[in-house]
Protein backbone atom coordinates (compact mmCIF):
# COMPACT_ATOMS: atom_id res chain seq x y z
CA MET A 1 45.42 -1.99 -29.16
CA ILE A 2 43.37 1.20 -29.11
CA ASN A 3 39.99 1.04 -27.34
CA VAL A 4 37.14 3.40 -26.51
CA GLY A 5 38.11 5.59 -23.56
CA ASP A 6 41.83 5.64 -24.31
CA VAL A 7 43.62 8.96 -24.12
CA VAL A 8 45.81 9.24 -27.21
CA MET A 9 48.27 11.71 -28.71
CA SER A 10 48.44 12.42 -32.41
CA ILE A 11 51.92 11.67 -33.78
CA SER A 12 51.40 12.75 -37.38
CA GLY A 13 49.36 15.21 -39.35
CA HIS A 14 48.65 18.89 -38.77
CA ASP A 15 47.34 18.08 -35.29
CA ARG A 16 50.57 16.39 -34.13
CA GLY A 17 51.00 16.62 -30.36
CA GLU A 18 47.29 17.08 -29.57
CA LEU A 19 45.54 14.94 -26.96
CA TYR A 20 42.27 13.22 -27.81
CA ILE A 21 39.95 10.62 -26.31
CA VAL A 22 38.82 7.70 -28.46
CA VAL A 23 35.01 7.76 -28.73
CA LYS A 24 34.67 4.95 -31.29
CA ASN A 25 37.00 2.59 -33.13
CA ASP A 26 37.25 -0.15 -35.71
CA GLU A 27 40.17 -2.30 -36.81
CA ARG A 28 42.04 0.41 -38.80
CA PHE A 29 40.71 3.71 -37.50
CA ALA A 30 39.99 5.43 -34.22
CA TYR A 31 37.42 8.22 -34.01
CA VAL A 32 38.79 10.80 -31.60
CA SER A 33 37.40 13.91 -29.99
CA ASP A 34 38.81 16.77 -27.94
CA GLY A 35 35.54 18.51 -27.08
CA ARG A 36 36.74 21.73 -28.70
CA LEU A 37 37.61 21.56 -32.40
CA LYS A 38 36.41 17.99 -32.73
CA PRO A 39 33.19 17.57 -30.72
CA VAL A 40 31.81 14.22 -29.61
CA SER A 41 29.06 14.51 -32.23
CA ASN A 42 31.63 14.83 -35.07
CA PRO A 43 34.85 13.00 -34.10
CA LYS A 44 38.03 13.02 -36.18
CA LYS A 45 38.88 9.82 -38.05
CA LYS A 46 42.53 8.93 -37.35
CA ASN A 47 44.53 5.95 -38.58
CA ILE A 48 45.62 3.98 -35.51
CA LYS A 49 49.21 4.06 -36.84
CA HIS A 50 49.16 7.84 -36.38
CA ILE A 51 48.31 7.92 -32.66
CA ASN A 52 50.01 6.79 -29.45
CA LYS A 53 48.10 5.59 -26.41
CA ILE A 54 48.85 7.71 -23.34
CA GLY A 55 46.47 6.08 -20.89
CA LYS A 56 42.89 5.07 -20.12
CA SER A 57 40.15 7.40 -18.85
CA ASP A 58 37.77 5.50 -16.60
CA GLU A 59 35.80 8.71 -16.01
CA PHE A 60 35.09 8.92 -19.75
CA ILE A 61 33.74 5.35 -19.80
CA GLU A 62 31.54 6.13 -16.79
CA LEU A 63 30.15 9.30 -18.42
CA LEU A 64 29.58 7.44 -21.69
CA ASN A 65 27.71 4.59 -19.97
CA ASN A 66 25.49 7.04 -18.04
CA ASN A 67 24.73 9.15 -21.17
CA MET A 68 26.17 12.22 -19.41
CA LEU A 69 29.02 12.89 -21.86
CA THR A 70 29.23 16.46 -23.16
CA ASP A 71 31.96 18.39 -24.94
CA VAL A 72 32.51 20.52 -21.83
CA LYS A 73 33.11 17.44 -19.66
CA LEU A 74 35.42 15.98 -22.31
CA LYS A 75 37.46 19.21 -22.42
CA TYR A 76 37.76 19.08 -18.63
CA LEU A 77 38.99 15.46 -18.70
CA LEU A 78 41.63 16.26 -21.32
CA LYS A 79 42.72 19.35 -19.41
CA ARG A 80 43.38 17.18 -16.36
CA TRP A 81 45.31 14.66 -18.48
CA ARG A 82 47.43 17.46 -19.98
CA SER A 83 48.32 18.82 -16.56
CA ARG A 84 49.08 15.30 -15.29
CA CYS A 85 51.41 14.66 -18.26
CA LEU A 86 53.17 18.01 -17.84
CA ASN A 87 53.70 17.47 -14.10
CA GLN A 88 55.51 14.16 -14.67
CA THR A 89 58.62 15.82 -16.08
């Protein structure tokens, strides 16, 4: 199940392999943002069948609840997730 605050990777489409954070969701779609090409104000609509959950970002939830979420902070969170995923191999 995909929820708000999940870090996901696109597994199909032209953006395959990109990391995103889920900013909103419904039963069939997740609205994802990367803070760069897809800002928080205009998230990308992705079918949940086309993304894999990588993990959960508690920092994102905290920023969202405190109304302190910006695209710059989102880019920073995803950058840290990318480096964490690359260092695991």
